């Protein structure tokens, strides 16, 4: 997999034999970043279930100020650090090897505050997508204008609303869907995903 655009454009990102991750397809990444491009420069970005770090590194390459990568696998976290060193983004990032619940708790305890963008790409076979998203939405990582993007298998369903968060858009790309969530107050201020981003 390569970085698609930005400062590290064309750089090859390493994986590792035996690393059990499902990289976000190039088509999905291109579509996602084209949608959020205007709000990415200078933004803070939280990459959950980060795998080899492809999404977060793409965000850094396109101008994100800081990215936190979270993955429960020590092998994946080693690969992420290698890729950050390779692309020159290590100083603009943090890698946390922990479950999502533990990582969110740590970030909250450190007073990290809300992120501008949160990207979640859990394994397609996880039993409860809603529970994962609820854990993120209930954390202190989500602010009034935070955009939470959830990647999941298109054969599954994500609700139109979770607590006071609305699904502002949903896009399908082959086997993959992206669902975008934002607080209702922020969603009601604008109409159309392009204006909100």
C-alpha atoms as a PDB file:
ATOM      1  CA  UNK A   1       0.000   0.000   0.000  1.00  0.00           C
ATOM      2  CA  UNK A   2       1.192   3.499  -0.833  1.00  0.00           C
ATOM      3  CA  UNK A   3       0.392   6.978   0.427  1.00  0.00           C
ATOM      4  CA  UNK A   4      -2.006   8.444  -2.132  1.00  0.00           C
ATOM      5  CA  UNK A   5      -1.423  12.193  -1.860  1.00  0.00           C
ATOM      6  CA  UNK A   6       0.302  14.959   0.037  1.00  0.00           C
ATOM      7  CA  UNK A   7       3.814  15.301   1.449  1.00  0.00           C
ATOM      8  CA  UNK A   8       4.490  11.542   1.489  1.00  0.00           C
ATOM      9  CA  UNK A   9       2.765  10.810  -1.805  1.00  0.00           C
ATOM     10  CA  UNK A  10       3.869   7.563  -3.409  1.00  0.00           C
ATOM     11  CA  UNK A  11       5.768   6.266  -0.385  1.00  0.00           C
ATOM     12  CA  UNK A  12       5.326   2.554   0.222  1.00  0.00           C
ATOM     13  CA  UNK A  13       3.924   1.547   3.605  1.00  0.00           C
ATOM     14  CA  UNK A  14       5.162  -1.728   5.006  1.00  0.00           C
ATOM     15  CA  UNK A  15       3.039  -4.482   6.423  1.00  0.00           C
ATOM     16  CA  UNK A  16       4.346  -7.653   8.040  1.00  0.00           C
ATOM     17  CA  UNK A  17       3.811 -11.376   7.429  1.00  0.00           C
ATOM     18  CA  UNK A  18       1.211 -12.681   9.845  1.00  0.00           C
ATOM     19  CA  UNK A  19      -0.220  -9.235  10.601  1.00  0.00           C
ATOM     20  CA  UNK A  20      -3.946  -9.942  10.580  1.00  0.00           C
ATOM     21  CA  UNK A  21      -5.306  -6.652   9.246  1.00  0.00           C
ATOM     22  CA  UNK A  22      -7.642  -5.681   6.421  1.00  0.00           C
ATOM     23  CA  UNK A  23      -6.169  -2.551   4.813  1.00  0.00           C
ATOM     24  CA  UNK A  24      -8.638   0.121   3.784  1.00  0.00           C
ATOM     25  CA  UNK A  25      -8.936  -0.134   0.013  1.00  0.00           C
ATOM     26  CA  UNK A  26      -7.378   2.635  -2.074  1.00  0.00           C
ATOM     27  CA  UNK A  27     -10.776   3.478  -3.581  1.00  0.00           C
ATOM     28  CA  UNK A  28     -12.305   3.900  -0.115  1.00  0.00           C
ATOM     29  CA  UNK A  29      -9.402   6.035   1.128  1.00  0.00           C
ATOM     30  CA  UNK A  30      -9.524   8.256  -1.937  1.00  0.00           C
ATOM     31  CA  UNK A  31     -13.256   8.803  -1.522  1.00  0.00           C
ATOM     32  CA  UNK A  32     -13.010   9.431   2.225  1.00  0.00           C
ATOM     33  CA  UNK A  33     -10.203  11.945   2.005  1.00  0.00           C
ATOM     34  CA  UNK A  34     -11.765  13.768  -0.920  1.00  0.00           C
ATOM     35  CA  UNK A  35     -14.833  14.303   1.285  1.00  0.00           C
ATOM     36  CA  UNK A  36     -12.962  15.596   4.344  1.00  0.00           C
ATOM     37  CA  UNK A  37     -10.098  17.340   2.559  1.00  0.00           C
ATOM     38  CA  UNK A  38     -11.207  20.911   3.340  1.00  0.00           C
ATOM     39  CA  UNK A  39     -11.382  20.238   7.087  1.00  0.00           C
ATOM     40  CA  UNK A  40      -8.185  18.191   7.373  1.00  0.00           C
ATOM     41  CA  UNK A  41      -5.392  20.789   7.281  1.00  0.00           C
ATOM     42  CA  UNK A  42      -4.309  21.511  10.843  1.00  0.00           C
ATOM     43  CA  UNK A  43      -6.805  19.006  12.247  1.00  0.00           C
ATOM     44  CA  UNK A  44      -6.404  16.446  15.011  1.00  0.00           C
ATOM     45  CA  UNK A  45      -7.170  12.881  13.949  1.00  0.00           C
ATOM     46  CA  UNK A  46      -7.831   9.694  15.916  1.00  0.00           C
ATOM     47  CA  UNK A  47      -7.281   6.440  13.996  1.00  0.00           C
ATOM     48  CA  UNK A  48      -8.918   3.517  15.836  1.00  0.00           C
ATOM     49  CA  UNK A  49      -8.180  -0.092  14.830  1.00  0.00           C
ATOM     50  CA  UNK A  50      -5.278   1.452  12.965  1.00  0.00           C
ATOM     51  CA  UNK A  51      -3.758  -1.738  11.496  1.00  0.00           C
ATOM     52  CA  UNK A  52      -0.563  -0.748   9.683  1.00  0.00           C
ATOM     53  CA  UNK A  53      -1.451   2.976   9.983  1.00  0.00           C
ATOM     54  CA  UNK A  54      -2.464   3.678   6.388  1.00  0.00           C
ATOM     55  CA  UNK A  55      -5.448   5.944   7.116  1.00  0.00           C
ATOM     56  CA  UNK A  56      -3.753   8.036   9.796  1.00  0.00           C
ATOM     57  CA  UNK A  57      -0.566   8.421   7.757  1.00  0.00           C
ATOM     58  CA  UNK A  58      -2.645   9.524   4.781  1.00  0.00           C
ATOM     59  CA  UNK A  59      -4.215  12.158   7.051  1.00  0.00           C
ATOM     60  CA  UNK A  60      -0.776  13.402   8.119  1.00  0.00           C
ATOM     61  CA  UNK A  61       0.434  13.482   4.536  1.00  0.00           C
ATOM     62  CA  UNK A  62      -2.554  15.633   3.587  1.00  0.00           C
ATOM     63  CA  UNK A  63      -2.002  18.170   6.359  1.00  0.00           C
ATOM     64  CA  UNK A  64      -3.407  16.869   9.640  1.00  0.00           C
ATOM     65  CA  UNK A  65      -1.600  18.420  12.594  1.00  0.00           C
ATOM     66  CA  UNK A  66      -1.507  15.359  14.857  1.00  0.00           C
ATOM     67  CA  UNK A  67      -2.703  11.764  14.655  1.00  0.00           C
ATOM     68  CA  UNK A  68      -3.156   9.215  17.430  1.00  0.00           C
ATOM     69  CA  UNK A  69      -3.046   5.593  16.270  1.00  0.00           C
ATOM     70  CA  UNK A  70      -4.710   2.904  18.389  1.00  0.00           C
ATOM     71  CA  UNK A  71      -4.418  -0.829  17.878  1.00  0.00           C
ATOM     72  CA  UNK A  72      -4.507  -3.752  20.311  1.00  0.00           C
ATOM     73  CA  UNK A  73      -1.793  -5.692  18.463  1.00  0.00           C
ATOM     74  CA  UNK A  74       1.849  -5.058  19.470  1.00  0.00           C
ATOM     75  CA  UNK A  75       2.925  -6.256  16.006  1.00  0.00           C
ATOM     76  CA  UNK A  76       0.609  -3.725  14.336  1.00  0.00           C
ATOM     77  CA  UNK A  77       1.917  -0.934  16.559  1.00  0.00           C
ATOM     78  CA  UNK A  78       5.510  -1.805  15.638  1.00  0.00           C
ATOM     79  CA  UNK A  79       4.540  -1.651  11.954  1.00  0.00           C
ATOM     80  CA  UNK A  80       2.820   1.731  12.473  1.00  0.00           C
ATOM     81  CA  UNK A  81       5.944   3.167  14.144  1.00  0.00           C
ATOM     82  CA  UNK A  82       8.102   1.846  11.305  1.00  0.00           C
ATOM     83  CA  UNK A  83       5.819   3.472   8.732  1.00  0.00           C
ATOM     84  CA  UNK A  84       5.779   6.757  10.648  1.00  0.00           C
ATOM     85  CA  UNK A  85       9.576   6.807  10.736  1.00  0.00           C
ATOM     86  CA  UNK A  86       9.698   5.949   7.033  1.00  0.00           C
ATOM     87  CA  UNK A  87       7.347   8.804   6.111  1.00  0.00           C
ATOM     88  CA  UNK A  88       8.837  11.317   8.574  1.00  0.00           C
ATOM     89  CA  UNK A  89       5.665  11.769  10.637  1.00  0.00           C
ATOM     90  CA  UNK A  90       6.760  10.215  13.936  1.00  0.00           C
ATOM     91  CA  UNK A  91       6.945  13.568  15.761  1.00  0.00           C
ATOM     92  CA  UNK A  92       3.378  14.444  14.711  1.00  0.00           C
ATOM     93  CA  UNK A  93       1.883  11.236  16.035  1.00  0.00           C
ATOM     94  CA  UNK A  94       1.305   8.947  18.986  1.00  0.00           C
ATOM     95  CA  UNK A  95       0.867   5.170  18.912  1.00  0.00           C
ATOM     96  CA  UNK A  96      -1.144   3.460  21.650  1.00  0.00           C
ATOM     97  CA  UNK A  97      -1.129  -0.303  21.964  1.00  0.00           C
ATOM     98  CA  UNK A  98      -4.375  -1.066  23.810  1.00  0.00           C
ATOM     99  CA  UNK A  99      -7.995  -2.027  23.346  1.00  0.00           C
ATOM    100  CA  UNK A 100     -10.276   0.775  22.224  1.00  0.00           C
ATOM    101  CA  UNK A 101     -11.924   1.090  25.652  1.00  0.00           C
ATOM    102  CA  UNK A 102      -8.573   1.293  27.456  1.00  0.00           C
ATOM    103  CA  UNK A 103      -7.101   3.719  24.916  1.00  0.00           C
ATOM    104  CA  UNK A 104     -10.090   6.069  25.152  1.00  0.00           C
ATOM    105  CA  UNK A 105      -9.834   6.005  28.948  1.00  0.00           C
ATOM    106  CA  UNK A 106      -6.124   6.844  28.808  1.00  0.00           C
ATOM    107  CA  UNK A 107      -6.674   9.720  26.397  1.00  0.00           C
ATOM    108  CA  UNK A 108      -9.458  11.104  28.570  1.00  0.00           C
ATOM    109  CA  UNK A 109      -7.315  10.868  31.704  1.00  0.00           C
ATOM    110  CA  UNK A 110      -4.568  12.796  29.925  1.00  0.00           C
ATOM    111  CA  UNK A 111      -7.041  15.558  29.088  1.00  0.00           C
ATOM    112  CA  UNK A 112      -6.417  15.221  25.352  1.00  0.00           C
ATOM    113  CA  UNK A 113      -9.753  16.814  24.495  1.00  0.00           C
ATOM    114  CA  UNK A 114     -11.866  16.350  21.393  1.00  0.00           C
ATOM    115  CA  UNK A 115     -10.542  15.380  17.983  1.00  0.00           C
ATOM    116  CA  UNK A 116     -11.630  16.938  14.722  1.00  0.00           C
ATOM    117  CA  UNK A 117     -11.836  13.558  12.969  1.00  0.00           C
ATOM    118  CA  UNK A 118     -12.229  10.039  14.337  1.00  0.00           C
ATOM    119  CA  UNK A 119     -11.934   7.068  11.987  1.00  0.00           C
ATOM    120  CA  UNK A 120     -13.025   3.596  13.124  1.00  0.00           C
ATOM    121  CA  UNK A 121     -12.295   0.468  11.122  1.00  0.00           C
ATOM    122  CA  UNK A 122     -13.039  -2.536  13.381  1.00  0.00           C
ATOM    123  CA  UNK A 123     -12.885  -6.119  12.106  1.00  0.00           C
ATOM    124  CA  UNK A 124     -15.908  -6.775   9.916  1.00  0.00           C
ATOM    125  CA  UNK A 125     -16.931  -9.741  12.081  1.00  0.00           C
ATOM    126  CA  UNK A 126     -17.208  -7.885  15.420  1.00  0.00           C
ATOM    127  CA  UNK A 127     -20.603  -8.644  17.001  1.00  0.00           C
ATOM    128  CA  UNK A 128     -21.738  -5.152  17.991  1.00  0.00           C
ATOM    129  CA  UNK A 129     -20.894  -2.180  15.808  1.00  0.00           C
ATOM    130  CA  UNK A 130     -23.207   0.081  17.813  1.00  0.00           C
ATOM    131  CA  UNK A 131     -21.452  -0.687  21.104  1.00  0.00           C
ATOM    132  CA  UNK A 132     -18.087   0.310  19.630  1.00  0.00           C
ATOM    133  CA  UNK A 133     -19.445   3.579  18.283  1.00  0.00           C
ATOM    134  CA  UNK A 134     -21.264   4.322  21.546  1.00  0.00           C
ATOM    135  CA  UNK A 135     -18.020   3.891  23.502  1.00  0.00           C
ATOM    136  CA  UNK A 136     -16.360   6.488  21.287  1.00  0.00           C
ATOM    137  CA  UNK A 137     -19.295   8.903  21.396  1.00  0.00           C
ATOM    138  CA  UNK A 138     -19.495   8.689  25.201  1.00  0.00           C
ATOM    139  CA  UNK A 139     -15.785   9.419  25.593  1.00  0.00           C
ATOM    140  CA  UNK A 140     -14.362  12.904  25.899  1.00  0.00           C
ATOM    141  CA  UNK A 141     -12.834  12.564  22.463  1.00  0.00           C
ATOM    142  CA  UNK A 142     -15.892  13.830  20.582  1.00  0.00           C
ATOM    143  CA  UNK A 143     -16.594  17.554  20.376  1.00  0.00           C
ATOM    144  CA  UNK A 144     -19.389  19.626  18.887  1.00  0.00           C
ATOM    145  CA  UNK A 145     -17.886  19.520  15.388  1.00  0.00           C
ATOM    146  CA  UNK A 146     -16.138  16.134  15.500  1.00  0.00           C
ATOM    147  CA  UNK A 147     -16.862  13.938  12.501  1.00  0.00           C
ATOM    148  CA  UNK A 148     -16.870  10.223  13.364  1.00  0.00           C
ATOM    149  CA  UNK A 149     -16.457   7.942  10.369  1.00  0.00           C
ATOM    150  CA  UNK A 150     -17.217   4.239  10.695  1.00  0.00           C
ATOM    151  CA  UNK A 151     -16.038   1.685   8.124  1.00  0.00           C
ATOM    152  CA  UNK A 152     -17.968  -1.589   8.042  1.00  0.00           C
ATOM    153  CA  UNK A 153     -19.226  -4.448   5.877  1.00  0.00           C
ATOM    154  CA  UNK A 154     -22.015  -3.227   3.570  1.00  0.00           C
ATOM    155  CA  UNK A 155     -24.137  -6.266   4.476  1.00  0.00           C
ATOM    156  CA  UNK A 156     -24.508  -4.853   7.983  1.00  0.00           C
ATOM    157  CA  UNK A 157     -26.512  -1.881   9.185  1.00  0.00           C
ATOM    158  CA  UNK A 158     -25.675   1.208  11.196  1.00  0.00           C
ATOM    159  CA  UNK A 159     -28.527   3.145  12.844  1.00  0.00           C
ATOM    160  CA  UNK A 160     -29.613   6.588  11.702  1.00  0.00           C
ATOM    161  CA  UNK A 161     -29.142   7.906  15.232  1.00  0.00           C
ATOM    162  CA  UNK A 162     -27.130   6.899  18.293  1.00  0.00           C
ATOM    163  CA  UNK A 163     -27.900   8.965  21.388  1.00  0.00           C
ATOM    164  CA  UNK A 164     -27.769  12.574  20.193  1.00  0.00           C
ATOM    165  CA  UNK A 165     -25.603  11.790  17.183  1.00  0.00           C
ATOM    166  CA  UNK A 166     -27.024  11.574  13.685  1.00  0.00           C
ATOM    167  CA  UNK A 167     -25.765   9.681  10.671  1.00  0.00           C
ATOM    168  CA  UNK A 168     -25.241  12.586   8.283  1.00  0.00           C
ATOM    169  CA  UNK A 169     -24.256  10.444   5.319  1.00  0.00           C
ATOM    170  CA  UNK A 170     -23.466   6.907   4.222  1.00  0.00           C
ATOM    171  CA  UNK A 171     -21.522   5.755   1.169  1.00  0.00           C
ATOM    172  CA  UNK A 172     -20.952   2.272  -0.293  1.00  0.00           C
ATOM    173  CA  UNK A 173     -17.800   1.120  -2.123  1.00  0.00           C
ATOM    174  CA  UNK A 174     -17.876  -2.526  -3.136  1.00  0.00           C
ATOM    175  CA  UNK A 175     -18.059  -4.597   0.042  1.00  0.00           C
ATOM    176  CA  UNK A 176     -17.392  -1.560   2.235  1.00  0.00           C
ATOM    177  CA  UNK A 177     -19.609   1.161   3.660  1.00  0.00           C
ATOM    178  CA  UNK A 178     -18.652   4.412   5.360  1.00  0.00           C
ATOM    179  CA  UNK A 179     -21.101   5.959   7.813  1.00  0.00           C
ATOM    180  CA  UNK A 180     -20.551   9.535   9.037  1.00  0.00           C
ATOM    181  CA  UNK A 181     -21.822  10.671  12.446  1.00  0.00           C
ATOM    182  CA  UNK A 182     -21.992  14.104  14.018  1.00  0.00           C
ATOM    183  CA  UNK A 183     -23.850  15.706  16.914  1.00  0.00           C
ATOM    184  CA  UNK A 184     -27.396  16.693  16.066  1.00  0.00           C
ATOM    185  CA  UNK A 185     -26.727  20.317  17.004  1.00  0.00           C
ATOM    186  CA  UNK A 186     -23.896  20.502  14.467  1.00  0.00           C
ATOM    187  CA  UNK A 187     -25.842  18.533  11.871  1.00  0.00           C
ATOM    188  CA  UNK A 188     -28.800  20.905  12.061  1.00  0.00           C
ATOM    189  CA  UNK A 189     -26.626  23.953  11.349  1.00  0.00           C
ATOM    190  CA  UNK A 190     -25.774  22.768   7.851  1.00  0.00           C
ATOM    191  CA  UNK A 191     -27.327  20.671   5.136  1.00  0.00           C
ATOM    192  CA  UNK A 192     -25.328  18.236   3.038  1.00  0.00           C
ATOM    193  CA  UNK A 193     -22.137  16.448   3.996  1.00  0.00           C
ATOM    194  CA  UNK A 194     -19.924  18.599   1.773  1.00  0.00           C
ATOM    195  CA  UNK A 195     -20.958  21.757   3.622  1.00  0.00           C
ATOM    196  CA  UNK A 196     -20.426  20.143   7.020  1.00  0.00           C
ATOM    197  CA  UNK A 197     -16.915  19.021   6.169  1.00  0.00           C
END
